[in-house]
Amino acid sequence: MDNLKHLGGETNYLFDYTPDVLETFDNKHPENDYWVKFNSPEFTSLCPITGQPDFATIYISYMPGKKMVESKSLKLYLFSFRNHGAFHEDCINIILKDLVKLMEPKYIEVWGKFLPRGGLSIDPYANYGQPGTKYEQLAWYRLQNHDLNPEKIDNR
């Protein structure tokens, strides 16, 4: 754990998109398939056209491979979107790709539940499964079925 710079140290919030803040640690159980889930209810980014803030809850669920994302670095990373101008769909795909590059998970999905602006909410979903494995098949299955039983939305 000596390579973790953020955990237990001084917290410096970055206000511009910064994937370099992400850190990993070794998965002690890479032989097991199990879920790790994060819920970030205070995600913000900016509309790239108007500059107005967008607010969302970001759900990240993954099955780790050899590496896992350190949670404080993930919080700092998500916070770094605060002044980043990107559409909702772009934010979700950027997060997914950055985490895949960082950890090489067996499987991962990222779902954004954005609060409405102008009477419309947008909830983009993206996922990834390691190619040529059962996790690739899982990714296709979950993509096809991710919203068959939508949750009750009572916070917007």
N, C-alpha and C. Protein backbone atom coordinates (compact mmCIF):
# COMPACT_ATOMS: atom_id res chain seq x y z
N MET A 1 0.81 -1.20 0.00
CA MET A 1 0.00 0.00 0.00
C MET A 1 0.86 1.27 0.00
N ASP A 2 2.15 1.12 -0.02
CA ASP A 2 3.03 2.28 0.01
C ASP A 2 2.89 3.17 -1.21
N ASN A 3 2.37 2.60 -2.31
CA ASN A 3 2.24 3.38 -3.54
C ASN A 3 1.01 4.29 -3.55
N LEU A 4 0.14 4.17 -2.54
CA LEU A 4 -1.07 5.00 -2.49
C LEU A 4 -0.72 6.37 -1.93
N LYS A 5 -0.89 7.41 -2.73
CA LYS A 5 -0.50 8.76 -2.33
C LYS A 5 -1.63 9.51 -1.64
N HIS A 6 -2.90 9.19 -1.96
CA HIS A 6 -4.02 10.00 -1.49
C HIS A 6 -4.59 9.52 -0.17
N LEU A 7 -4.63 8.21 0.04
CA LEU A 7 -5.26 7.64 1.22
C LEU A 7 -4.45 8.03 2.46
N GLY A 8 -5.10 8.71 3.39
CA GLY A 8 -4.45 9.10 4.62
C GLY A 8 -3.64 10.37 4.52
N GLY A 9 -3.50 10.89 3.33
CA GLY A 9 -2.72 12.11 3.13
C GLY A 9 -3.60 13.33 3.03
N GLU A 10 -2.99 14.46 2.76
CA GLU A 10 -3.72 15.70 2.57
C GLU A 10 -4.56 15.59 1.31
N THR A 11 -5.78 16.12 1.35
CA THR A 11 -6.68 16.04 0.21
C THR A 11 -6.59 17.33 -0.60
N ASN A 12 -6.20 17.19 -1.85
CA ASN A 12 -6.16 18.31 -2.78
C ASN A 12 -7.18 18.05 -3.88
N TYR A 13 -8.24 18.85 -3.90
CA TYR A 13 -9.28 18.68 -4.90
C TYR A 13 -8.87 19.35 -6.20
N LEU A 14 -8.96 18.61 -7.28
CA LEU A 14 -8.65 19.13 -8.60
C LEU A 14 -9.96 19.45 -9.31
N PHE A 15 -10.03 20.60 -9.94
CA PHE A 15 -11.28 21.05 -10.53
C PHE A 15 -11.35 20.84 -12.04
N ASP A 16 -10.34 20.23 -12.61
CA ASP A 16 -10.34 19.92 -14.03
C ASP A 16 -10.10 18.42 -14.19
N TYR A 17 -10.75 17.84 -15.17
CA TYR A 17 -10.67 16.40 -15.42
C TYR A 17 -9.23 15.90 -15.33
N THR A 18 -9.01 14.95 -14.41
CA THR A 18 -7.66 14.46 -14.13
C THR A 18 -7.67 12.95 -13.87
N PRO A 19 -7.51 12.13 -14.90
CA PRO A 19 -7.48 10.68 -14.66
C PRO A 19 -6.22 10.22 -13.94
N ASP A 20 -5.17 11.04 -13.96
CA ASP A 20 -3.91 10.65 -13.32
C ASP A 20 -4.02 10.51 -11.80
N VAL A 21 -5.09 11.03 -11.23
CA VAL A 21 -5.27 10.94 -9.78
C VAL A 21 -5.67 9.52 -9.34
N LEU A 22 -6.15 8.70 -10.27
CA LEU A 22 -6.61 7.34 -9.94
C LEU A 22 -5.44 6.46 -9.50
N GLU A 23 -5.69 5.65 -8.47
CA GLU A 23 -4.69 4.72 -7.95
C GLU A 23 -5.31 3.34 -7.77
N THR A 24 -4.45 2.33 -7.82
CA THR A 24 -4.91 0.95 -7.63
C THR A 24 -4.14 0.29 -6.50
N PHE A 25 -4.69 -0.84 -6.07
CA PHE A 25 -3.99 -1.73 -5.16
C PHE A 25 -4.30 -3.16 -5.60
N ASP A 26 -3.50 -4.10 -5.15
CA ASP A 26 -3.66 -5.49 -5.57
C ASP A 26 -4.92 -6.11 -4.98
N ASN A 27 -5.65 -6.83 -5.81
CA ASN A 27 -6.81 -7.60 -5.38
C ASN A 27 -6.30 -8.84 -4.66
N LYS A 28 -6.69 -9.03 -3.43
CA LYS A 28 -6.24 -10.19 -2.66
C LYS A 28 -6.98 -11.47 -3.02
N HIS A 29 -8.03 -11.36 -3.85
CA HIS A 29 -8.84 -12.52 -4.22
C HIS A 29 -9.14 -12.54 -5.72
N PRO A 30 -8.11 -12.46 -6.58
CA PRO A 30 -8.37 -12.38 -8.02
C PRO A 30 -9.01 -13.65 -8.59
N GLU A 31 -8.90 -14.75 -7.87
CA GLU A 31 -9.50 -16.01 -8.35
C GLU A 31 -11.01 -16.04 -8.14
N ASN A 32 -11.55 -15.15 -7.32
CA ASN A 32 -12.99 -15.10 -7.04
C ASN A 32 -13.68 -14.10 -7.95
N ASP A 33 -14.90 -14.44 -8.34
CA ASP A 33 -15.77 -13.48 -9.01
C ASP A 33 -16.62 -12.84 -7.92
N TYR A 34 -16.51 -11.53 -7.77
CA TYR A 34 -17.33 -10.81 -6.80
C TYR A 34 -17.50 -9.37 -7.26
N TRP A 35 -18.54 -8.73 -6.74
CA TRP A 35 -18.88 -7.37 -7.13
C TRP A 35 -18.30 -6.36 -6.15
N VAL A 36 -17.84 -5.25 -6.69
CA VAL A 36 -17.51 -4.06 -5.92
C VAL A 36 -18.38 -2.95 -6.50
N LYS A 37 -19.13 -2.27 -5.64
CA LYS A 37 -20.05 -1.25 -6.12
C LYS A 37 -19.78 0.08 -5.43
N PHE A 38 -19.80 1.14 -6.23
CA PHE A 38 -19.66 2.50 -5.73
C PHE A 38 -20.89 3.29 -6.14
N ASN A 39 -21.31 4.19 -5.26
CA ASN A 39 -22.45 5.06 -5.50
C ASN A 39 -21.98 6.47 -5.19
N SER A 40 -21.94 7.33 -6.20
CA SER A 40 -21.46 8.70 -6.02
C SER A 40 -22.62 9.67 -6.29
N PRO A 41 -23.37 10.06 -5.23
CA PRO A 41 -24.58 10.87 -5.42
C PRO A 41 -24.34 12.36 -5.63
N GLU A 42 -23.08 12.80 -5.63
CA GLU A 42 -22.81 14.24 -5.75
C GLU A 42 -21.93 14.57 -6.95
N PHE A 43 -22.06 13.79 -8.02
CA PHE A 43 -21.27 14.03 -9.23
C PHE A 43 -21.75 15.30 -9.92
N THR A 44 -20.80 16.11 -10.39
CA THR A 44 -21.14 17.29 -11.17
C THR A 44 -20.18 17.42 -12.35
N SER A 45 -20.70 17.94 -13.43
CA SER A 45 -19.91 18.30 -14.60
C SER A 45 -20.59 19.52 -15.21
N LEU A 46 -20.06 19.99 -16.31
CA LEU A 46 -20.64 21.17 -16.96
C LEU A 46 -21.13 20.82 -18.35
N CYS A 47 -22.24 21.43 -18.73
CA CYS A 47 -22.70 21.31 -20.11
C CYS A 47 -21.65 21.96 -21.02
N PRO A 48 -21.20 21.25 -22.06
CA PRO A 48 -20.15 21.82 -22.91
C PRO A 48 -20.63 22.98 -23.78
N ILE A 49 -21.93 23.17 -23.89
CA ILE A 49 -22.48 24.24 -24.72
C ILE A 49 -22.81 25.48 -23.88
N THR A 50 -23.58 25.26 -22.80
CA THR A 50 -24.06 26.39 -22.00
C THR A 50 -23.17 26.70 -20.79
N GLY A 51 -22.36 25.73 -20.36
CA GLY A 51 -21.56 25.91 -19.16
C GLY A 51 -22.34 25.73 -17.87
N GLN A 52 -23.63 25.37 -17.98
CA GLN A 52 -24.45 25.16 -16.79
C GLN A 52 -24.05 23.85 -16.12
N PRO A 53 -24.17 23.77 -14.79
CA PRO A 53 -23.80 22.54 -14.10
C PRO A 53 -24.83 21.44 -14.31
N ASP A 54 -24.34 20.23 -14.38
CA ASP A 54 -25.18 19.03 -14.42
C ASP A 54 -24.87 18.22 -13.18
N PHE A 55 -25.90 17.67 -12.57
CA PHE A 55 -25.76 16.90 -11.34
C PHE A 55 -26.26 15.48 -11.57
N ALA A 56 -25.55 14.51 -10.98
CA ALA A 56 -25.94 13.12 -11.18
C ALA A 56 -25.51 12.26 -10.01
N THR A 57 -26.11 11.09 -9.95
CA THR A 57 -25.58 10.00 -9.15
C THR A 57 -24.92 9.05 -10.13
N ILE A 58 -23.68 8.71 -9.86
CA ILE A 58 -22.93 7.78 -10.70
C ILE A 58 -22.82 6.46 -9.96
N TYR A 59 -23.23 5.38 -10.63
CA TYR A 59 -23.12 4.03 -10.09
C TYR A 59 -22.03 3.30 -10.86
N ILE A 60 -21.06 2.77 -10.14
CA ILE A 60 -19.98 2.00 -10.74
C ILE A 60 -19.98 0.63 -10.07
N SER A 61 -20.11 -0.42 -10.87
CA SER A 61 -20.07 -1.79 -10.36
C SER A 61 -19.05 -2.55 -11.18
N TYR A 62 -18.18 -3.30 -10.49
CA TYR A 62 -17.20 -4.06 -11.25
C TYR A 62 -16.80 -5.35 -10.55
N MET A 63 -16.29 -6.28 -11.36
CA MET A 63 -15.67 -7.50 -10.87
C MET A 63 -14.17 -7.32 -11.08
N PRO A 64 -13.43 -7.21 -10.00
CA PRO A 64 -11.99 -6.93 -10.16
C PRO A 64 -11.23 -8.10 -10.72
N GLY A 65 -10.16 -7.75 -11.43
CA GLY A 65 -9.17 -8.73 -11.87
C GLY A 65 -8.02 -8.70 -10.87
N LYS A 66 -6.84 -8.35 -11.34
CA LYS A 66 -5.67 -8.30 -10.46
C LYS A 66 -5.58 -7.01 -9.66
N LYS A 67 -6.19 -5.94 -10.17
CA LYS A 67 -6.10 -4.63 -9.52
C LYS A 67 -7.49 -4.12 -9.14
N MET A 68 -7.51 -3.27 -8.11
CA MET A 68 -8.75 -2.63 -7.67
C MET A 68 -8.48 -1.13 -7.56
N VAL A 69 -9.53 -0.33 -7.75
CA VAL A 69 -9.36 1.12 -7.63
C VAL A 69 -9.46 1.51 -6.15
N GLU A 70 -8.58 2.38 -5.74
CA GLU A 70 -8.60 2.88 -4.37
C GLU A 70 -9.70 3.94 -4.28
N SER A 71 -10.56 3.84 -3.27
CA SER A 71 -11.79 4.64 -3.24
C SER A 71 -11.55 6.14 -3.09
N LYS A 72 -10.57 6.57 -2.31
CA LYS A 72 -10.35 8.02 -2.19
C LYS A 72 -9.88 8.60 -3.52
N SER A 73 -9.03 7.87 -4.22
CA SER A 73 -8.59 8.36 -5.53
C SER A 73 -9.77 8.41 -6.51
N LEU A 74 -10.69 7.47 -6.38
CA LEU A 74 -11.89 7.49 -7.23
C LEU A 74 -12.74 8.72 -6.92
N LYS A 75 -12.89 9.04 -5.64
CA LYS A 75 -13.65 10.24 -5.26
C LYS A 75 -13.00 11.49 -5.85
N LEU A 76 -11.69 11.59 -5.74
CA LEU A 76 -10.98 12.75 -6.29
C LEU A 76 -11.11 12.81 -7.81
N TYR A 77 -11.06 11.66 -8.44
CA TYR A 77 -11.22 11.58 -9.90
C TYR A 77 -12.61 12.06 -10.31
N LEU A 78 -13.64 11.53 -9.67
CA LEU A 78 -15.00 11.94 -10.01
C LEU A 78 -15.19 13.43 -9.74
N PHE A 79 -14.60 13.93 -8.67
CA PHE A 79 -14.69 15.36 -8.36
C PHE A 79 -14.03 16.20 -9.45
N SER A 80 -13.01 15.64 -10.10
CA SER A 80 -12.28 16.40 -11.11
C SER A 80 -13.13 16.72 -12.35
N PHE A 81 -14.30 16.14 -12.46
CA PHE A 81 -15.21 16.46 -13.56
C PHE A 81 -15.95 17.77 -13.31
N ARG A 82 -15.80 18.35 -12.12
CA ARG A 82 -16.56 19.53 -11.70
C ARG A 82 -16.57 20.64 -12.74
N ASN A 83 -15.46 20.93 -13.34
CA ASN A 83 -15.39 22.00 -14.35
C ASN A 83 -15.16 21.45 -15.75
N HIS A 84 -15.41 20.17 -15.93
CA HIS A 84 -15.21 19.54 -17.23
C HIS A 84 -16.49 19.66 -18.06
N GLY A 85 -16.35 20.18 -19.25
CA GLY A 85 -17.49 20.32 -20.14
C GLY A 85 -17.65 19.09 -21.01
N ALA A 86 -18.68 18.30 -20.72
CA ALA A 86 -18.96 17.10 -21.52
C ALA A 86 -20.43 16.73 -21.38
N PHE A 87 -20.99 16.19 -22.43
CA PHE A 87 -22.36 15.68 -22.35
C PHE A 87 -22.40 14.49 -21.41
N HIS A 88 -23.59 14.18 -20.90
CA HIS A 88 -23.76 13.10 -19.94
C HIS A 88 -23.20 11.78 -20.46
N GLU A 89 -23.54 11.47 -21.71
CA GLU A 89 -23.10 10.20 -22.31
C GLU A 89 -21.58 10.13 -22.39
N ASP A 90 -20.97 11.25 -22.70
CA ASP A 90 -19.52 11.32 -22.79
C ASP A 90 -18.88 11.07 -21.42
N CYS A 91 -19.41 11.72 -20.38
CA CYS A 91 -18.87 11.52 -19.03
C CYS A 91 -18.86 10.04 -18.65
N ILE A 92 -19.97 9.36 -18.90
CA ILE A 92 -20.08 7.95 -18.50
C ILE A 92 -19.08 7.09 -19.28
N ASN A 93 -18.93 7.33 -20.57
CA ASN A 93 -17.98 6.56 -21.37
C ASN A 93 -16.53 6.87 -21.01
N ILE A 94 -16.24 8.12 -20.67
CA ILE A 94 -14.89 8.48 -20.23
C ILE A 94 -14.55 7.75 -18.93
N ILE A 95 -15.48 7.77 -17.98
CA ILE A 95 -15.25 7.09 -16.70
C ILE A 95 -15.01 5.61 -16.93
N LEU A 96 -15.86 4.98 -17.75
CA LEU A 96 -15.70 3.56 -18.04
C LEU A 96 -14.32 3.27 -18.64
N LYS A 97 -13.95 4.02 -19.66
CA LYS A 97 -12.67 3.76 -20.34
C LYS A 97 -11.48 4.00 -19.43
N ASP A 98 -11.54 5.05 -18.61
CA ASP A 98 -10.44 5.31 -17.68
C ASP A 98 -10.28 4.18 -16.67
N LEU A 99 -11.40 3.66 -16.17
CA LEU A 99 -11.32 2.59 -15.17
C LEU A 99 -10.90 1.26 -15.80
N VAL A 100 -11.31 1.00 -17.02
CA VAL A 100 -10.85 -0.20 -17.72
C VAL A 100 -9.34 -0.13 -17.94
N LYS A 101 -8.86 1.02 -18.40
CA LYS A 101 -7.42 1.20 -18.62
C LYS A 101 -6.64 1.06 -17.32
N LEU A 102 -7.18 1.60 -16.25
CA LEU A 102 -6.51 1.59 -14.95
C LEU A 102 -6.41 0.19 -14.35
N MET A 103 -7.53 -0.54 -14.33
CA MET A 103 -7.61 -1.78 -13.55
C MET A 103 -7.62 -3.06 -14.38
N GLU A 104 -8.03 -2.97 -15.63
CA GLU A 104 -8.29 -4.16 -16.44
C GLU A 104 -9.21 -5.13 -15.69
N PRO A 105 -10.41 -4.65 -15.31
CA PRO A 105 -11.33 -5.50 -14.55
C PRO A 105 -11.88 -6.63 -15.42
N LYS A 106 -12.40 -7.65 -14.76
CA LYS A 106 -13.07 -8.72 -15.49
C LYS A 106 -14.32 -8.16 -16.17
N TYR A 107 -15.06 -7.36 -15.40
CA TYR A 107 -16.30 -6.76 -15.88
C TYR A 107 -16.50 -5.43 -15.15
N ILE A 108 -17.08 -4.45 -15.85
CA ILE A 108 -17.40 -3.17 -15.21
C ILE A 108 -18.58 -2.53 -15.91
N GLU A 109 -19.40 -1.81 -15.14
CA GLU A 109 -20.47 -1.01 -15.71
C GLU A 109 -20.55 0.32 -14.97
N VAL A 110 -20.91 1.36 -15.72
CA VAL A 110 -21.05 2.70 -15.18
C VAL A 110 -22.40 3.24 -15.65
N TRP A 111 -23.18 3.72 -14.69
CA TRP A 111 -24.52 4.20 -14.98
C TRP A 111 -24.67 5.58 -14.36
N GLY A 112 -25.05 6.56 -15.15
CA GLY A 112 -25.27 7.90 -14.63
C GLY A 112 -26.75 8.22 -14.58
N LYS A 113 -27.21 8.68 -13.43
CA LYS A 113 -28.60 9.12 -13.26
C LYS A 113 -28.56 10.63 -13.06
N PHE A 114 -28.71 11.36 -14.15
CA PHE A 114 -28.59 12.81 -14.11
C PHE A 114 -29.93 13.47 -13.77
N LEU A 115 -29.85 14.50 -12.96
CA LEU A 115 -31.05 15.27 -12.62
C LEU A 115 -31.53 16.01 -13.86
N PRO A 116 -32.82 16.22 -13.97
CA PRO A 116 -33.33 16.88 -15.17
C PRO A 116 -32.94 18.35 -15.24
N ARG A 117 -32.75 18.78 -16.46
CA ARG A 117 -32.59 20.19 -16.77
C ARG A 117 -33.48 20.44 -17.96
N GLY A 118 -34.33 21.43 -17.85
CA GLY A 118 -35.29 21.68 -18.93
C GLY A 118 -36.34 20.60 -19.04
N GLY A 119 -36.60 19.92 -17.93
CA GLY A 119 -37.67 18.91 -17.90
C GLY A 119 -37.28 17.55 -18.42
N LEU A 120 -35.99 17.30 -18.68
CA LEU A 120 -35.56 16.02 -19.23
C LEU A 120 -34.35 15.50 -18.47
N SER A 121 -34.46 14.25 -18.01
CA SER A 121 -33.29 13.62 -17.39
C SER A 121 -32.70 12.61 -18.37
N ILE A 122 -31.40 12.42 -18.27
CA ILE A 122 -30.68 11.49 -19.15
C ILE A 122 -29.92 10.53 -18.26
N ASP A 123 -30.04 9.22 -18.54
CA ASP A 123 -29.43 8.19 -17.72
C ASP A 123 -28.56 7.25 -18.55
N PRO A 124 -27.39 7.68 -18.99
CA PRO A 124 -26.55 6.82 -19.83
C PRO A 124 -25.94 5.67 -19.06
N TYR A 125 -25.77 4.56 -19.75
CA TYR A 125 -25.23 3.32 -19.19
C TYR A 125 -24.19 2.79 -20.17
N ALA A 126 -23.04 2.37 -19.65
CA ALA A 126 -22.01 1.75 -20.49
C ALA A 126 -21.36 0.63 -19.69
N ASN A 127 -20.91 -0.41 -20.39
CA ASN A 127 -20.25 -1.50 -19.69
C ASN A 127 -19.15 -2.12 -20.54
N TYR A 128 -18.41 -3.03 -19.92
CA TYR A 128 -17.28 -3.69 -20.58
C TYR A 128 -17.05 -5.03 -19.90
N GLY A 129 -16.78 -6.04 -20.70
CA GLY A 129 -16.35 -7.35 -20.22
C GLY A 129 -15.10 -7.76 -20.97
N GLN A 130 -14.16 -8.40 -20.29
CA GLN A 130 -12.91 -8.80 -20.95
C GLN A 130 -13.22 -9.61 -22.20
N PRO A 131 -12.66 -9.21 -23.34
CA PRO A 131 -12.94 -9.90 -24.60
C PRO A 131 -12.54 -11.38 -24.55
N GLY A 132 -13.38 -12.19 -25.18
CA GLY A 132 -13.10 -13.62 -25.29
C GLY A 132 -13.35 -14.41 -24.02
N THR A 133 -14.05 -13.80 -23.05
CA THR A 133 -14.32 -14.49 -21.78
C THR A 133 -15.82 -14.48 -21.50
N LYS A 134 -16.20 -15.18 -20.44
CA LYS A 134 -17.60 -15.16 -20.02
C LYS A 134 -18.03 -13.76 -19.60
N TYR A 135 -17.08 -12.89 -19.27
CA TYR A 135 -17.40 -11.53 -18.86
C TYR A 135 -17.83 -10.68 -20.06
N GLU A 136 -17.31 -10.99 -21.23
CA GLU A 136 -17.76 -10.32 -22.45
C GLU A 136 -19.22 -10.70 -22.71
N GLN A 137 -19.55 -11.96 -22.50
CA GLN A 137 -20.94 -12.41 -22.65
C GLN A 137 -21.85 -11.75 -21.61
N LEU A 138 -21.34 -11.61 -20.38
CA LEU A 138 -22.09 -10.94 -19.32
C LEU A 138 -22.35 -9.48 -19.71
N ALA A 139 -21.35 -8.82 -20.28
CA ALA A 139 -21.51 -7.42 -20.69
C ALA A 139 -22.64 -7.28 -21.71
N TRP A 140 -22.67 -8.17 -22.69
CA TRP A 140 -23.72 -8.10 -23.71
C TRP A 140 -25.08 -8.35 -23.09
N TYR A 141 -25.17 -9.35 -22.21
CA TYR A 141 -26.44 -9.67 -21.55
C TYR A 141 -26.93 -8.48 -20.71
N ARG A 142 -26.04 -7.90 -19.91
CA ARG A 142 -26.45 -6.79 -19.04
C ARG A 142 -26.77 -5.54 -19.85
N LEU A 143 -26.08 -5.34 -20.96
CA LEU A 143 -26.40 -4.20 -21.82
C LEU A 143 -27.82 -4.35 -22.39
N GLN A 144 -28.16 -5.55 -22.81
CA GLN A 144 -29.49 -5.80 -23.36
C GLN A 144 -30.58 -5.66 -22.30
N ASN A 145 -30.25 -5.98 -21.06
CA ASN A 145 -31.28 -6.08 -20.01
C ASN A 145 -31.12 -5.08 -18.87
N HIS A 146 -30.24 -4.12 -19.00
CA HIS A 146 -29.91 -3.28 -17.85
C HIS A 146 -31.08 -2.47 -17.31
N ASP A 147 -32.08 -2.20 -18.12
CA ASP A 147 -33.17 -1.34 -17.67
C ASP A 147 -34.54 -2.02 -17.81
N LEU A 148 -34.57 -3.34 -17.76
CA LEU A 148 -35.85 -4.04 -17.87
C LEU A 148 -36.73 -3.81 -16.65
N ASN A 149 -36.12 -3.67 -15.50
CA ASN A 149 -36.85 -3.43 -14.25
C ASN A 149 -36.33 -2.14 -13.63
N PRO A 150 -36.69 -1.00 -14.22
CA PRO A 150 -36.14 0.25 -13.70
C PRO A 150 -36.58 0.50 -12.26
N GLU A 151 -35.66 1.10 -11.52
CA GLU A 151 -35.95 1.40 -10.13
C GLU A 151 -36.95 2.54 -10.04
N LYS A 152 -37.60 2.63 -8.88
CA LYS A 152 -38.49 3.75 -8.64
C LYS A 152 -37.63 4.99 -8.41
N ILE A 153 -37.87 6.00 -9.18
CA ILE A 153 -37.09 7.24 -9.03
C ILE A 153 -37.95 8.23 -8.25
N ASP A 154 -37.51 8.52 -7.03
CA ASP A 154 -38.29 9.45 -6.22
C ASP A 154 -37.47 10.65 -5.74
N ASN A 155 -36.28 10.81 -6.31
CA ASN A 155 -35.44 11.92 -5.88
C ASN A 155 -35.33 13.02 -6.93
N ARG A 156 -36.15 12.95 -7.96
CA ARG A 156 -36.07 13.99 -8.99
C ARG A 156 -37.41 14.21 -9.66
